[in-house]
């Protein structure tokens, strides 16, 4: 991971903005569906998520119980599932 990603001046939306041509080259080389990077990742959301001055620690247990949600997913398993799904659909290499 590049050190500049830890700088207070780093913004995903800015860092990725000039990489659109690179992404298109990767998509062609890997035989992926034609997509724009904005279709695959919400960079503005990542900037907000990782730059938030407040960190939230909490549990959804009470809300899940109160509103009847019974299914629980493990975060890592969920992320890996969606990565595999995106690969199968030829969205990412």
PDB file of N, CA and C in Angstrom:
ATOM      1  N   UNK A   1       0.844  -1.170   0.000  1.00  0.00           N
ATOM      2  CA  UNK A   1       0.000   0.000   0.000  1.00  0.00           C
ATOM      3  C   UNK A   1       0.895   1.240   0.000  1.00  0.00           C
ATOM      4  N   UNK A   2       0.668   2.137  -0.930  1.00  0.00           N
ATOM      5  CA  UNK A   2       1.512   3.340  -0.991  1.00  0.00           C
ATOM      6  C   UNK A   2       1.392   4.192   0.262  1.00  0.00           C
ATOM      7  N   UNK A   3       2.529   4.723   0.714  1.00  0.00           N
ATOM      8  CA  UNK A   3       2.548   5.544   1.934  1.00  0.00           C
ATOM      9  C   UNK A   3       1.663   6.770   1.817  1.00  0.00           C
ATOM     10  N   UNK A   4       1.532   7.332   0.606  1.00  0.00           N
ATOM     11  CA  UNK A   4       0.724   8.535   0.468  1.00  0.00           C
ATOM     12  C   UNK A   4      -0.749   8.297   0.804  1.00  0.00           C
ATOM     13  N   UNK A   5      -1.182   7.029   0.823  1.00  0.00           N
ATOM     14  CA  UNK A   5      -2.568   6.732   1.195  1.00  0.00           C
ATOM     15  C   UNK A   5      -2.847   7.075   2.655  1.00  0.00           C
ATOM     16  N   UNK A   6      -1.796   7.215   3.447  1.00  0.00           N
ATOM     17  CA  UNK A   6      -1.976   7.529   4.866  1.00  0.00           C
ATOM     18  C   UNK A   6      -1.866   9.031   5.127  1.00  0.00           C
ATOM     19  N   UNK A   7      -1.666   9.804   4.100  1.00  0.00           N
ATOM     20  CA  UNK A   7      -1.562  11.250   4.225  1.00  0.00           C
ATOM     21  C   UNK A   7      -2.942  11.854   4.430  1.00  0.00           C
ATOM     22  N   UNK A   8      -2.997  12.956   5.187  1.00  0.00           N
ATOM     23  CA  UNK A   8      -4.258  13.663   5.379  1.00  0.00           C
ATOM     24  C   UNK A   8      -4.761  14.276   4.075  1.00  0.00           C
ATOM     25  N   UNK A   9      -3.874  14.406   3.102  1.00  0.00           N
ATOM     26  CA  UNK A   9      -4.250  14.989   1.818  1.00  0.00           C
ATOM     27  C   UNK A   9      -4.730  13.955   0.799  1.00  0.00           C
ATOM     28  N   UNK A  10      -4.715  12.675   1.168  1.00  0.00           N
ATOM     29  CA  UNK A  10      -5.097  11.618   0.232  1.00  0.00           C
ATOM     30  C   UNK A  10      -6.621  11.504   0.139  1.00  0.00           C
ATOM     31  N   UNK A  11      -7.117  11.484  -1.091  1.00  0.00           N
ATOM     32  CA  UNK A  11      -8.539  11.270  -1.363  1.00  0.00           C
ATOM     33  C   UNK A  11      -8.641  10.201  -2.450  1.00  0.00           C
ATOM     34  N   UNK A  12      -9.430   9.155  -2.206  1.00  0.00           N
ATOM     35  CA  UNK A  12      -9.595   8.096  -3.205  1.00  0.00           C
ATOM     36  C   UNK A  12     -10.092   8.666  -4.524  1.00  0.00           C
ATOM     37  N   UNK A  13     -11.110   9.520  -4.455  1.00  0.00           N
ATOM     38  CA  UNK A  13     -11.705  10.055  -5.678  1.00  0.00           C
ATOM     39  C   UNK A  13     -10.673  10.787  -6.524  1.00  0.00           C
ATOM     40  N   UNK A  14      -9.766  11.495  -5.906  1.00  0.00           N
ATOM     41  CA  UNK A  14      -8.732  12.219  -6.639  1.00  0.00           C
ATOM     42  C   UNK A  14      -7.663  11.262  -7.153  1.00  0.00           C
ATOM     43  N   UNK A  15      -7.234  10.329  -6.312  1.00  0.00           N
ATOM     44  CA  UNK A  15      -6.157   9.406  -6.677  1.00  0.00           C
ATOM     45  C   UNK A  15      -6.551   8.496  -7.838  1.00  0.00           C
ATOM     46  N   UNK A  16      -7.808   8.115  -7.902  1.00  0.00           N
ATOM     47  CA  UNK A  16      -8.272   7.180  -8.920  1.00  0.00           C
ATOM     48  C   UNK A  16      -8.713   7.890 -10.197  1.00  0.00           C
ATOM     49  N   UNK A  17      -9.017   9.154 -10.096  1.00  0.00           N
ATOM     50  CA  UNK A  17      -9.591   9.896 -11.218  1.00  0.00           C
ATOM     51  C   UNK A  17      -8.771   9.788 -12.503  1.00  0.00           C
ATOM     52  N   UNK A  18      -7.457   9.815 -12.395  1.00  0.00           N
ATOM     53  CA  UNK A  18      -6.631   9.763 -13.602  1.00  0.00           C
ATOM     54  C   UNK A  18      -6.259   8.334 -14.009  1.00  0.00           C
ATOM     55  N   UNK A  19      -6.884   7.340 -13.402  1.00  0.00           N
ATOM     56  CA  UNK A  19      -6.574   5.935 -13.705  1.00  0.00           C
ATOM     57  C   UNK A  19      -7.620   5.287 -14.611  1.00  0.00           C
ATOM     58  N   UNK A  20      -8.524   6.064 -15.155  1.00  0.00           N
ATOM     59  CA  UNK A  20      -9.604   5.498 -15.973  1.00  0.00           C
ATOM     60  C   UNK A  20      -9.071   4.762 -17.198  1.00  0.00           C
ATOM     61  N   UNK A  21      -8.076   5.345 -17.852  1.00  0.00           N
ATOM     62  CA  UNK A  21      -7.498   4.697 -19.039  1.00  0.00           C
ATOM     63  C   UNK A  21      -6.822   3.380 -18.653  1.00  0.00           C
ATOM     64  N   UNK A  22      -6.141   3.373 -17.517  1.00  0.00           N
ATOM     65  CA  UNK A  22      -5.483   2.153 -17.036  1.00  0.00           C
ATOM     66  C   UNK A  22      -6.525   1.070 -16.803  1.00  0.00           C
ATOM     67  N   UNK A  23      -7.656   1.443 -16.191  1.00  0.00           N
ATOM     68  CA  UNK A  23      -8.716   0.457 -15.937  1.00  0.00           C
ATOM     69  C   UNK A  23      -9.245  -0.102 -17.252  1.00  0.00           C
ATOM     70  N   UNK A  24      -9.446   0.739 -18.238  1.00  0.00           N
ATOM     71  CA  UNK A  24      -9.937   0.267 -19.530  1.00  0.00           C
ATOM     72  C   UNK A  24      -8.939  -0.700 -20.169  1.00  0.00           C
ATOM     73  N   UNK A  25      -7.653  -0.427 -20.036  1.00  0.00           N
ATOM     74  CA  UNK A  25      -6.626  -1.328 -20.570  1.00  0.00           C
ATOM     75  C   UNK A  25      -6.674  -2.682 -19.858  1.00  0.00           C
ATOM     76  N   UNK A  26      -6.846  -2.658 -18.541  1.00  0.00           N
ATOM     77  CA  UNK A  26      -6.953  -3.909 -17.775  1.00  0.00           C
ATOM     78  C   UNK A  26      -8.187  -4.684 -18.219  1.00  0.00           C
ATOM     79  N   UNK A  27      -9.307  -3.987 -18.372  1.00  0.00           N
ATOM     80  CA  UNK A  27     -10.555  -4.650 -18.778  1.00  0.00           C
ATOM     81  C   UNK A  27     -10.405  -5.336 -20.129  1.00  0.00           C
ATOM     82  N   UNK A  28      -9.768  -4.669 -21.072  1.00  0.00           N
ATOM     83  CA  UNK A  28      -9.565  -5.268 -22.401  1.00  0.00           C
ATOM     84  C   UNK A  28      -8.623  -6.460 -22.297  1.00  0.00           C
ATOM     85  N   UNK A  29      -7.509  -6.288 -21.609  1.00  0.00           N
ATOM     86  CA  UNK A  29      -6.510  -7.364 -21.474  1.00  0.00           C
ATOM     87  C   UNK A  29      -7.099  -8.600 -20.816  1.00  0.00           C
ATOM     88  N   UNK A  30      -7.953  -8.399 -19.786  1.00  0.00           N
ATOM     89  CA  UNK A  30      -8.511  -9.520 -19.024  1.00  0.00           C
ATOM     90  C   UNK A  30      -9.842 -10.030 -19.587  1.00  0.00           C
ATOM     91  N   UNK A  31     -10.326  -9.405 -20.665  1.00  0.00           N
ATOM     92  CA  UNK A  31     -11.590  -9.841 -21.268  1.00  0.00           C
ATOM     93  C   UNK A  31     -12.795  -9.552 -20.388  1.00  0.00           C
ATOM     94  N   UNK A  32     -12.777  -8.431 -19.685  1.00  0.00           N
ATOM     95  CA  UNK A  32     -13.873  -8.066 -18.787  1.00  0.00           C
ATOM     96  C   UNK A  32     -14.953  -7.310 -19.540  1.00  0.00           C
ATOM     97  N   UNK A  33     -16.126  -7.230 -18.919  1.00  0.00           N
ATOM     98  CA  UNK A  33     -17.186  -6.407 -19.469  1.00  0.00           C
ATOM     99  C   UNK A  33     -16.745  -4.949 -19.436  1.00  0.00           C
ATOM    100  N   UNK A  34     -17.218  -4.179 -20.391  1.00  0.00           N
ATOM    101  CA  UNK A  34     -16.885  -2.751 -20.391  1.00  0.00           C
ATOM    102  C   UNK A  34     -17.612  -2.082 -19.229  1.00  0.00           C
ATOM    103  N   UNK A  35     -16.853  -1.570 -18.286  1.00  0.00           N
ATOM    104  CA  UNK A  35     -17.409  -0.849 -17.152  1.00  0.00           C
ATOM    105  C   UNK A  35     -16.551   0.372 -16.883  1.00  0.00           C
ATOM    106  N   UNK A  36     -17.157   1.347 -16.271  1.00  0.00           N
ATOM    107  CA  UNK A  36     -16.420   2.496 -15.784  1.00  0.00           C
ATOM    108  C   UNK A  36     -16.086   2.223 -14.324  1.00  0.00           C
ATOM    109  N   UNK A  37     -15.004   2.765 -13.854  1.00  0.00           N
ATOM    110  CA  UNK A  37     -14.608   2.538 -12.457  1.00  0.00           C
ATOM    111  C   UNK A  37     -15.704   2.987 -11.503  1.00  0.00           C
ATOM    112  N   UNK A  38     -16.419   4.048 -11.866  1.00  0.00           N
ATOM    113  CA  UNK A  38     -17.486   4.557 -11.004  1.00  0.00           C
ATOM    114  C   UNK A  38     -18.625   3.548 -10.847  1.00  0.00           C
ATOM    115  N   UNK A  39     -18.736   2.612 -11.812  1.00  0.00           N
ATOM    116  CA  UNK A  39     -19.767   1.582 -11.715  1.00  0.00           C
ATOM    117  C   UNK A  39     -19.408   0.508 -10.690  1.00  0.00           C
ATOM    118  N   UNK A  40     -18.133   0.404 -10.356  1.00  0.00           N
ATOM    119  CA  UNK A  40     -17.664  -0.662  -9.484  1.00  0.00           C
ATOM    120  C   UNK A  40     -17.376  -0.207  -8.055  1.00  0.00           C
ATOM    121  N   UNK A  41     -17.100   1.066  -7.864  1.00  0.00           N
ATOM    122  CA  UNK A  41     -16.743   1.552  -6.525  1.00  0.00           C
ATOM    123  C   UNK A  41     -17.233   2.984  -6.347  1.00  0.00           C
ATOM    124  N   UNK A  42     -17.776   3.259  -5.188  1.00  0.00           N
ATOM    125  CA  UNK A  42     -18.207   4.617  -4.853  1.00  0.00           C
ATOM    126  C   UNK A  42     -17.060   5.276  -4.089  1.00  0.00           C
ATOM    127  N   UNK A  43     -16.209   5.962  -4.826  1.00  0.00           N
ATOM    128  CA  UNK A  43     -14.999   6.525  -4.234  1.00  0.00           C
ATOM    129  C   UNK A  43     -15.312   7.633  -3.241  1.00  0.00           C
ATOM    130  N   UNK A  44     -16.342   8.400  -3.497  1.00  0.00           N
ATOM    131  CA  UNK A  44     -16.747   9.431  -2.539  1.00  0.00           C
ATOM    132  C   UNK A  44     -17.144   8.822  -1.209  1.00  0.00           C
ATOM    133  N   UNK A  45     -17.841   7.676  -1.264  1.00  0.00           N
ATOM    134  CA  UNK A  45     -18.228   6.983  -0.037  1.00  0.00           C
ATOM    135  C   UNK A  45     -16.988   6.488   0.712  1.00  0.00           C
ATOM    136  N   UNK A  46     -16.008   5.952  -0.015  1.00  0.00           N
ATOM    137  CA  UNK A  46     -14.776   5.497   0.635  1.00  0.00           C
ATOM    138  C   UNK A  46     -14.068   6.657   1.331  1.00  0.00           C
ATOM    139  N   UNK A  47     -14.036   7.810   0.671  1.00  0.00           N
ATOM    140  CA  UNK A  47     -13.417   8.980   1.294  1.00  0.00           C
ATOM    141  C   UNK A  47     -14.126   9.346   2.593  1.00  0.00           C
ATOM    142  N   UNK A  48     -15.439   9.342   2.581  1.00  0.00           N
ATOM    143  CA  UNK A  48     -16.197   9.672   3.790  1.00  0.00           C
ATOM    144  C   UNK A  48     -15.983   8.607   4.858  1.00  0.00           C
ATOM    145  N   UNK A  49     -16.052   7.350   4.462  1.00  0.00           N
ATOM    146  CA  UNK A  49     -15.914   6.244   5.406  1.00  0.00           C
ATOM    147  C   UNK A  49     -14.569   6.263   6.121  1.00  0.00           C
ATOM    148  N   UNK A  50     -13.484   6.414   5.372  1.00  0.00           N
ATOM    149  CA  UNK A  50     -12.153   6.328   5.969  1.00  0.00           C
ATOM    150  C   UNK A  50     -11.644   7.645   6.544  1.00  0.00           C
ATOM    151  N   UNK A  51     -12.312   8.742   6.240  1.00  0.00           N
ATOM    152  CA  UNK A  51     -11.853  10.026   6.739  1.00  0.00           C
ATOM    153  C   UNK A  51     -12.766  10.580   7.833  1.00  0.00           C
ATOM    154  N   UNK A  52     -13.720   9.821   8.250  1.00  0.00           N
ATOM    155  CA  UNK A  52     -14.637  10.287   9.290  1.00  0.00           C
ATOM    156  C   UNK A  52     -13.870  10.558  10.587  1.00  0.00           C
ATOM    157  N   UNK A  53     -14.090  11.733  11.190  1.00  0.00           N
ATOM    158  CA  UNK A  53     -13.377  12.041  12.434  1.00  0.00           C
ATOM    159  C   UNK A  53     -13.896  11.224  13.614  1.00  0.00           C
ATOM    160  N   UNK A  54     -15.072  10.643  13.470  1.00  0.00           N
ATOM    161  CA  UNK A  54     -15.643   9.836  14.555  1.00  0.00           C
ATOM    162  C   UNK A  54     -15.642   8.372  14.150  1.00  0.00           C
ATOM    163  N   UNK A  55     -15.289   7.527  15.064  1.00  0.00           N
ATOM    164  CA  UNK A  55     -15.337   6.092  14.828  1.00  0.00           C
ATOM    165  C   UNK A  55     -16.528   5.532  15.603  1.00  0.00           C
ATOM    166  N   UNK A  56     -17.279   4.694  14.940  1.00  0.00           N
ATOM    167  CA  UNK A  56     -18.460   4.131  15.588  1.00  0.00           C
ATOM    168  C   UNK A  56     -18.195   2.680  15.961  1.00  0.00           C
ATOM    169  N   UNK A  57     -18.396   2.391  17.197  1.00  0.00           N
ATOM    170  CA  UNK A  57     -18.323   1.018  17.675  1.00  0.00           C
ATOM    171  C   UNK A  57     -19.697   0.681  18.219  1.00  0.00           C
ATOM    172  N   UNK A  58     -20.239  -0.382  17.759  1.00  0.00           N
ATOM    173  CA  UNK A  58     -21.566  -0.733  18.237  1.00  0.00           C
ATOM    174  C   UNK A  58     -21.973  -2.092  17.746  1.00  0.00           C
ATOM    175  N   UNK A  59     -23.175  -2.452  18.080  1.00  0.00           N
ATOM    176  CA  UNK A  59     -23.718  -3.736  17.685  1.00  0.00           C
ATOM    177  C   UNK A  59     -25.108  -3.525  17.116  1.00  0.00           C
ATOM    178  N   UNK A  60     -25.470  -4.375  16.206  1.00  0.00           N
ATOM    179  CA  UNK A  60     -26.808  -4.315  15.633  1.00  0.00           C
ATOM    180  C   UNK A  60     -27.740  -5.293  16.322  1.00  0.00           C
ATOM    181  N   UNK A  61     -27.265  -5.969  17.339  1.00  0.00           N
ATOM    182  CA  UNK A  61     -28.037  -7.024  17.975  1.00  0.00           C
ATOM    183  C   UNK A  61     -29.440  -6.625  18.373  1.00  0.00           C
ATOM    184  N   UNK A  62     -29.590  -5.505  19.057  1.00  0.00           N
ATOM    185  CA  UNK A  62     -30.918  -5.075  19.506  1.00  0.00           C
ATOM    186  C   UNK A  62     -31.820  -4.745  18.320  1.00  0.00           C
ATOM    187  N   UNK A  63     -31.279  -4.035  17.344  1.00  0.00           N
ATOM    188  CA  UNK A  63     -32.087  -3.689  16.171  1.00  0.00           C
ATOM    189  C   UNK A  63     -32.474  -4.943  15.397  1.00  0.00           C
ATOM    190  N   UNK A  64     -31.536  -5.871  15.229  1.00  0.00           N
ATOM    191  CA  UNK A  64     -31.846  -7.105  14.518  1.00  0.00           C
ATOM    192  C   UNK A  64     -32.976  -7.847  15.202  1.00  0.00           C
ATOM    193  N   UNK A  65     -32.887  -7.967  16.508  1.00  0.00           N
ATOM    194  CA  UNK A  65     -33.914  -8.682  17.275  1.00  0.00           C
ATOM    195  C   UNK A  65     -35.247  -7.944  17.184  1.00  0.00           C
ATOM    196  N   UNK A  66     -35.209  -6.651  17.361  1.00  0.00           N
ATOM    197  CA  UNK A  66     -36.435  -5.851  17.374  1.00  0.00           C
ATOM    198  C   UNK A  66     -37.166  -5.889  16.034  1.00  0.00           C
ATOM    199  N   UNK A  67     -36.405  -5.863  14.944  1.00  0.00           N
ATOM    200  CA  UNK A  67     -37.030  -5.801  13.624  1.00  0.00           C
ATOM    201  C   UNK A  67     -37.103  -7.152  12.921  1.00  0.00           C
ATOM    202  N   UNK A  68     -36.718  -8.220  13.610  1.00  0.00           N
ATOM    203  CA  UNK A  68     -36.905  -9.559  13.084  1.00  0.00           C
ATOM    204  C   UNK A  68     -35.845 -10.072  12.124  1.00  0.00           C
ATOM    205  N   UNK A  69     -34.691  -9.423  12.070  1.00  0.00           N
ATOM    206  CA  UNK A  69     -33.621  -9.936  11.217  1.00  0.00           C
ATOM    207  C   UNK A  69     -32.974 -11.117  11.920  1.00  0.00           C
ATOM    208  N   UNK A  70     -32.963 -12.246  11.258  1.00  0.00           N
ATOM    209  CA  UNK A  70     -32.425 -13.450  11.892  1.00  0.00           C
ATOM    210  C   UNK A  70     -31.132 -13.926  11.243  1.00  0.00           C
ATOM    211  N   UNK A  71     -30.876 -13.526  10.015  1.00  0.00           N
ATOM    212  CA  UNK A  71     -29.676 -13.984   9.320  1.00  0.00           C
ATOM    213  C   UNK A  71     -28.493 -13.079   9.665  1.00  0.00           C
ATOM    214  N   UNK A  72     -27.372 -13.688   9.944  1.00  0.00           N
ATOM    215  CA  UNK A  72     -26.132 -12.949  10.222  1.00  0.00           C
ATOM    216  C   UNK A  72     -25.081 -13.392   9.215  1.00  0.00           C
ATOM    217  N   UNK A  73     -24.278 -12.453   8.747  1.00  0.00           N
ATOM    218  CA  UNK A  73     -23.196 -12.755   7.803  1.00  0.00           C
ATOM    219  C   UNK A  73     -21.877 -12.318   8.405  1.00  0.00           C
ATOM    220  N   UNK A  74     -20.861 -13.088   8.165  1.00  0.00           N
ATOM    221  CA  UNK A  74     -19.522 -12.712   8.570  1.00  0.00           C
ATOM    222  C   UNK A  74     -18.966 -11.748   7.526  1.00  0.00           C
ATOM    223  N   UNK A  75     -18.372 -10.662   7.968  1.00  0.00           N
ATOM    224  CA  UNK A  75     -17.914  -9.619   7.060  1.00  0.00           C
ATOM    225  C   UNK A  75     -16.948 -10.158   6.009  1.00  0.00           C
ATOM    226  N   UNK A  76     -15.913 -10.867   6.417  1.00  0.00           N
ATOM    227  CA  UNK A  76     -14.923 -11.361   5.464  1.00  0.00           C
ATOM    228  C   UNK A  76     -15.566 -12.320   4.466  1.00  0.00           C
ATOM    229  N   UNK A  77     -16.412 -13.210   4.942  1.00  0.00           N
ATOM    230  CA  UNK A  77     -17.085 -14.143   4.032  1.00  0.00           C
ATOM    231  C   UNK A  77     -17.943 -13.395   3.023  1.00  0.00           C
ATOM    232  N   UNK A  78     -18.607 -12.358   3.470  1.00  0.00           N
ATOM    233  CA  UNK A  78     -19.450 -11.568   2.582  1.00  0.00           C
ATOM    234  C   UNK A  78     -18.617 -10.863   1.517  1.00  0.00           C
ATOM    235  N   UNK A  79     -17.522 -10.252   1.931  1.00  0.00           N
ATOM    236  CA  UNK A  79     -16.644  -9.558   0.980  1.00  0.00           C
ATOM    237  C   UNK A  79     -16.107 -10.544  -0.049  1.00  0.00           C
ATOM    238  N   UNK A  80     -15.638 -11.705   0.401  1.00  0.00           N
ATOM    239  CA  UNK A  80     -15.095 -12.705  -0.523  1.00  0.00           C
ATOM    240  C   UNK A  80     -16.176 -13.219  -1.471  1.00  0.00           C
ATOM    241  N   UNK A  81     -17.394 -13.384  -0.969  1.00  0.00           N
ATOM    242  CA  UNK A  81     -18.512 -13.813  -1.812  1.00  0.00           C
ATOM    243  C   UNK A  81     -18.727 -12.814  -2.949  1.00  0.00           C
ATOM    244  N   UNK A  82     -18.765 -11.524  -2.609  1.00  0.00           N
ATOM    245  CA  UNK A  82     -19.032 -10.512  -3.638  1.00  0.00           C
ATOM    246  C   UNK A  82     -17.865 -10.352  -4.604  1.00  0.00           C
ATOM    247  N   UNK A  83     -16.647 -10.534  -4.138  1.00  0.00           N
ATOM    248  CA  UNK A  83     -15.502 -10.509  -5.051  1.00  0.00           C
ATOM    249  C   UNK A  83     -15.608 -11.664  -6.035  1.00  0.00           C
ATOM    250  N   UNK A  84     -15.904 -12.860  -5.521  1.00  0.00           N
ATOM    251  CA  UNK A  84     -16.068 -14.022  -6.405  1.00  0.00           C
ATOM    252  C   UNK A  84     -17.212 -13.793  -7.396  1.00  0.00           C
ATOM    253  N   UNK A  85     -18.311 -13.224  -6.937  1.00  0.00           N
ATOM    254  CA  UNK A  85     -19.456 -12.950  -7.822  1.00  0.00           C
ATOM    255  C   UNK A  85     -19.072 -11.970  -8.921  1.00  0.00           C
ATOM    256  N   UNK A  86     -18.330 -10.934  -8.557  1.00  0.00           N
ATOM    257  CA  UNK A  86     -17.912  -9.951  -9.553  1.00  0.00           C
ATOM    258  C   UNK A  86     -16.948 -10.564 -10.558  1.00  0.00           C
ATOM    259  N   UNK A  87     -16.105 -11.484 -10.106  1.00  0.00           N
ATOM    260  CA  UNK A  87     -15.198 -12.183 -11.033  1.00  0.00           C
ATOM    261  C   UNK A  87     -15.996 -13.050 -12.001  1.00  0.00           C
ATOM    262  N   UNK A  88     -16.979 -13.793 -11.490  1.00  0.00           N
ATOM    263  CA  UNK A  88     -17.804 -14.652 -12.339  1.00  0.00           C
ATOM    264  C   UNK A  88     -18.543 -13.854 -13.397  1.00  0.00           C
ATOM    265  N   UNK A  89     -18.950 -12.636 -13.040  1.00  0.00           N
ATOM    266  CA  UNK A  89     -19.684 -11.794 -13.979  1.00  0.00           C
ATOM    267  C   UNK A  89     -18.747 -10.983 -14.884  1.00  0.00           C
ATOM    268  N   UNK A  90     -17.442 -11.255 -14.779  1.00  0.00           N
ATOM    269  CA  UNK A  90     -16.418 -10.590 -15.596  1.00  0.00           C
ATOM    270  C   UNK A  90     -16.402  -9.085 -15.389  1.00  0.00           C
ATOM    271  N   UNK A  91     -16.609  -8.655 -14.131  1.00  0.00           N
ATOM    272  CA  UNK A  91     -16.519  -7.248 -13.802  1.00  0.00           C
ATOM    273  C   UNK A  91     -15.128  -6.871 -13.303  1.00  0.00           C
ATOM    274  N   UNK A  92     -14.456  -7.833 -12.676  1.00  0.00           N
ATOM    275  CA  UNK A  92     -13.090  -7.609 -12.178  1.00  0.00           C
ATOM    276  C   UNK A  92     -12.248  -8.832 -12.529  1.00  0.00           C
ATOM    277  N   UNK A  93     -10.921  -8.651 -12.622  1.00  0.00           N
ATOM    278  CA  UNK A  93     -10.062  -9.812 -12.952  1.00  0.00           C
ATOM    279  C   UNK A  93      -9.953 -10.784 -11.783  1.00  0.00           C
TER     280      UNK A  93
END
